[in-house]
Amino acid sequence: MSGEQTIVSGVAGRYATALIELARDAGSVDAVAEQLDRFSAALDDSEDLKRLVTSPVFGADEQVAALDALFPKMHIDGLAANVVKLMARNRRLFVIGNMISDYHKLVAAERGEVTAEVTSAMALNDTQIADLKSALKASVGKDVDLVQTVDPSILGGLVVRLGSRMIDTSLKTKLSSLKLRMKEVG
C-alpha cells in the first residue's frame, strides 16, 4: 500500500509493516491488534515487564523464555506472539511500543481512518471516547482511531495529536499560560 510508506518508518515500522502483511494474509488483522493491545496494557501496568523489555541486562534467550511463560496467561498467540518473540531474538524488543503504535496506524490507514493520539489525566470512559471520536470525525471528515495514554501530570483536560495538529486543553498548560501572563502583568 502506498499509505504504509509514508506513515511508519524505522525498525518499529518495518516490523509493523511485516506484521500487518502477515495478518492481512491470515485474515487476523483485528485479532493481532487486540493481542498487541493486551501486551501494551501489561507493559503499562508492570514495572517488571517494562524492565524485561527495555533493559539490556536481559539476553535474548531470557526475554523469549519470559515471553513464552507470559503469553499463554495473556492469551497472546499466533502472529502477535511470534513477532514479539522475533523482536526479542533480534534484540529489538525495546521498540515494541513504537511497533504497536505503527501497527495501529497501518490498520487505520487501511480502513481509511486517521489516528489521533489522546493524552488524558485519567482513563476515558466509553461515552467520552465516543464523544471525542464523533467530534474528531466531524473535524476531519474521516473515522478516527484513538490511541489513548494516561498522564496524571497534565492534571485535567486533554492533549490530542492528530497528524501534524496538536490541541492542548490540559489544565497544566492553562496554568502555565496563566502563570506567564501574571508575570508579564506584574
Protein backbone atom coordinates (compact mmCIF):
# COMPACT_ATOMS: atom_id res chain seq x y z
CA MET A 1 0.00 0.00 0.00
CA SER A 2 1.26 3.45 -0.77
CA GLY A 3 -0.01 4.88 2.54
CA GLU A 4 2.15 2.48 4.51
CA GLN A 5 5.34 4.04 3.16
CA THR A 6 4.53 7.47 4.50
CA ILE A 7 3.16 6.79 7.95
CA VAL A 8 5.69 4.41 9.52
CA SER A 9 9.46 4.19 9.40
CA GLY A 10 12.47 2.82 11.19
CA VAL A 11 12.87 -0.54 12.87
CA ALA A 12 9.44 -0.44 14.51
CA GLY A 13 7.82 0.50 11.21
CA ARG A 14 9.46 -2.42 9.39
CA TYR A 15 8.20 -4.90 11.99
CA ALA A 16 4.71 -3.33 11.93
CA THR A 17 4.59 -3.43 8.13
CA ALA A 18 5.65 -7.08 8.02
CA LEU A 19 3.15 -7.95 10.75
CA ILE A 20 0.19 -6.28 9.05
CA GLU A 21 1.01 -8.00 5.77
CA LEU A 22 1.10 -11.40 7.51
CA ALA A 23 -2.06 -10.61 9.50
CA ARG A 24 -3.87 -9.47 6.34
CA ASP A 25 -2.93 -12.73 4.58
CA ALA A 26 -4.15 -14.72 7.60
CA GLY A 27 -7.33 -12.66 7.98
CA SER A 28 -6.40 -11.77 11.55
CA VAL A 29 -5.68 -8.01 11.47
CA ASP A 30 -8.14 -7.25 14.29
CA ALA A 31 -7.14 -10.25 16.41
CA VAL A 32 -3.48 -9.25 16.21
CA ALA A 33 -4.38 -5.67 17.16
CA GLU A 34 -6.29 -6.89 20.23
CA GLN A 35 -3.39 -9.08 21.32
CA LEU A 36 -0.89 -6.26 20.85
CA ASP A 37 -3.17 -4.02 22.92
CA ARG A 38 -3.17 -6.61 25.72
CA PHE A 39 0.61 -6.69 25.66
CA SER A 40 0.78 -2.88 25.65
CA ALA A 41 -1.61 -2.70 28.63
CA ALA A 42 0.52 -5.24 30.51
CA LEU A 43 3.59 -3.12 29.79
CA ASP A 44 1.84 -0.07 31.22
CA ASP A 45 0.82 -1.99 34.34
CA SER A 46 4.01 -3.92 35.13
CA GLU A 47 7.35 -2.38 36.01
CA ASP A 48 8.93 -5.85 35.83
CA LEU A 49 7.71 -6.34 32.27
CA LYS A 50 8.92 -2.85 31.30
CA ARG A 51 12.32 -3.72 32.73
CA LEU A 52 12.39 -7.02 30.82
CA VAL A 53 11.60 -5.21 27.56
CA THR A 54 13.91 -2.20 27.95
CA SER A 55 16.88 -3.37 30.00
CA PRO A 56 19.97 -4.54 28.11
CA VAL A 57 20.79 -6.72 31.13
CA PHE A 58 18.40 -9.41 29.89
CA GLY A 59 19.63 -11.51 26.99
CA ALA A 60 17.51 -12.51 24.04
CA ASP A 61 17.07 -16.05 25.37
CA GLU A 62 15.88 -14.75 28.75
CA GLN A 63 13.40 -12.38 27.10
CA VAL A 64 12.00 -15.11 24.85
CA ALA A 65 11.71 -17.54 27.79
CA ALA A 66 9.85 -14.91 29.84
CA LEU A 67 7.52 -14.16 26.92
CA ASP A 68 6.90 -17.89 26.42
CA ALA A 69 5.78 -18.08 30.06
CA LEU A 70 3.64 -14.91 29.93
CA PHE A 71 1.86 -15.19 26.59
CA PRO A 72 -0.44 -18.14 27.40
CA LYS A 73 -1.64 -16.30 30.52
CA MET A 74 -2.20 -13.13 28.47
CA HIS A 75 -3.96 -15.03 25.66
CA ILE A 76 -1.38 -13.87 23.14
CA ASP A 77 -0.52 -16.37 20.44
CA GLY A 78 -0.01 -16.80 16.72
CA LEU A 79 1.35 -13.91 14.71
CA ALA A 80 1.42 -11.38 17.55
CA ALA A 81 3.38 -13.73 19.82
CA ASN A 82 5.74 -14.79 17.04
CA VAL A 83 6.61 -11.24 16.01
CA VAL A 84 7.17 -10.06 19.60
CA LYS A 85 9.42 -13.07 20.24
CA LEU A 86 11.25 -12.43 16.95
CA MET A 87 11.86 -8.87 18.10
CA ALA A 88 13.28 -10.27 21.35
CA ARG A 89 15.55 -12.72 19.50
CA ASN A 90 16.80 -9.88 17.28
CA ARG A 91 17.38 -7.62 20.33
CA ARG A 92 14.74 -5.14 19.14
CA LEU A 93 12.15 -5.62 21.88
CA PHE A 94 12.85 -2.11 23.21
CA VAL A 95 10.90 -0.65 20.24
CA ILE A 96 7.77 -2.74 20.90
CA GLY A 97 5.72 0.30 21.97
CA ASN A 98 6.51 2.09 18.70
CA MET A 99 5.83 -1.07 16.71
CA ILE A 100 2.38 -1.42 18.30
CA SER A 101 1.62 2.23 17.58
CA ASP A 102 2.81 1.85 13.98
CA TYR A 103 0.70 -1.29 13.55
CA HIS A 104 -2.39 0.67 14.63
CA LYS A 105 -1.51 3.46 12.20
CA LEU A 106 -1.30 0.94 9.37
CA VAL A 107 -4.62 -0.66 10.33
CA ALA A 108 -6.25 2.77 10.48
CA ALA A 109 -4.82 3.77 7.09
CA GLU A 110 -6.07 0.53 5.58
CA ARG A 111 -9.58 1.30 6.84
CA GLY A 112 -9.49 4.93 5.70
CA GLU A 113 -9.28 6.15 9.28
CA VAL A 114 -6.93 8.66 10.82
CA THR A 115 -5.20 8.03 14.12
CA ALA A 116 -5.39 10.52 16.97
CA GLU A 117 -3.14 10.23 20.00
CA VAL A 118 -5.08 11.33 23.07
CA THR A 119 -3.49 12.01 26.44
CA SER A 120 -5.74 12.46 29.46
CA ALA A 121 -5.18 12.74 33.20
CA MET A 122 -7.47 9.75 33.82
CA ALA A 123 -8.70 6.92 31.60
CA LEU A 124 -11.63 7.98 29.44
CA ASN A 125 -14.91 6.11 29.75
CA ASP A 126 -16.78 4.70 26.75
CA THR A 127 -19.11 7.70 26.46
CA GLN A 128 -16.20 10.16 26.49
CA ILE A 129 -14.37 8.11 23.86
CA ALA A 130 -17.46 8.01 21.62
CA ASP A 131 -18.00 11.77 22.01
CA LEU A 132 -14.34 12.51 21.24
CA LYS A 133 -14.35 10.24 18.18
CA SER A 134 -17.52 11.93 16.95
CA ALA A 135 -16.09 15.42 17.40
CA LEU A 136 -12.84 14.50 15.67
CA LYS A 137 -14.71 12.81 12.81
CA ALA A 138 -16.74 15.98 12.31
CA SER A 139 -13.48 17.95 12.21
CA VAL A 140 -11.51 15.77 9.77
CA GLY A 141 -14.30 14.06 7.85
CA LYS A 142 -12.94 10.55 8.44
CA ASP A 143 -13.35 7.89 11.08
CA VAL A 144 -10.83 8.35 13.87
CA ASP A 145 -8.92 5.62 15.69
CA LEU A 146 -7.87 6.73 19.18
CA VAL A 147 -4.59 5.75 20.79
CA GLN A 148 -5.03 6.63 24.45
CA THR A 149 -2.38 7.49 27.01
CA VAL A 150 -2.94 8.36 30.65
CA ASP A 151 -0.64 11.04 32.10
CA PRO A 152 -1.73 12.32 35.53
CA SER A 153 0.79 15.19 35.29
CA ILE A 154 -1.49 17.09 32.87
CA LEU A 155 -3.93 17.44 35.81
CA GLY A 156 -7.06 17.57 33.64
CA GLY A 157 -8.29 18.20 30.11
CA LEU A 158 -6.89 16.54 27.01
CA VAL A 159 -3.94 16.71 24.66
CA VAL A 160 -4.94 15.49 21.20
CA ARG A 161 -2.41 14.93 18.40
CA LEU A 162 -3.98 14.40 15.00
CA GLY A 163 -1.43 14.28 12.22
CA SER A 164 0.62 17.45 12.46
CA ARG A 165 -2.00 19.24 14.57
CA MET A 166 -2.00 19.31 18.35
CA ILE A 167 -4.84 20.53 20.52
CA ASP A 168 -3.79 21.06 24.12
CA THR A 169 -6.62 21.76 26.55
CA SER A 170 -4.74 20.37 29.54
CA LEU A 171 -5.04 22.10 32.87
CA LYS A 172 -1.24 22.01 33.19
CA THR A 173 -0.81 24.08 30.01
CA LYS A 174 -3.56 26.52 31.01
CA LEU A 175 -1.95 27.05 34.42
CA SER A 176 1.47 27.58 32.83
CA SER A 177 -0.02 30.11 30.43
CA LEU A 178 -1.78 31.91 33.29
CA LYS A 179 1.43 31.98 35.32
CA LEU A 180 3.31 33.50 32.37
CA ARG A 181 0.64 36.18 31.83
CA MET A 182 0.71 37.05 35.54
CA LYS A 183 4.49 37.54 35.37
CA GLU A 184 4.08 39.86 32.37
CA VAL A 185 1.49 41.99 34.22
CA GLY A 186 3.46 42.11 37.47
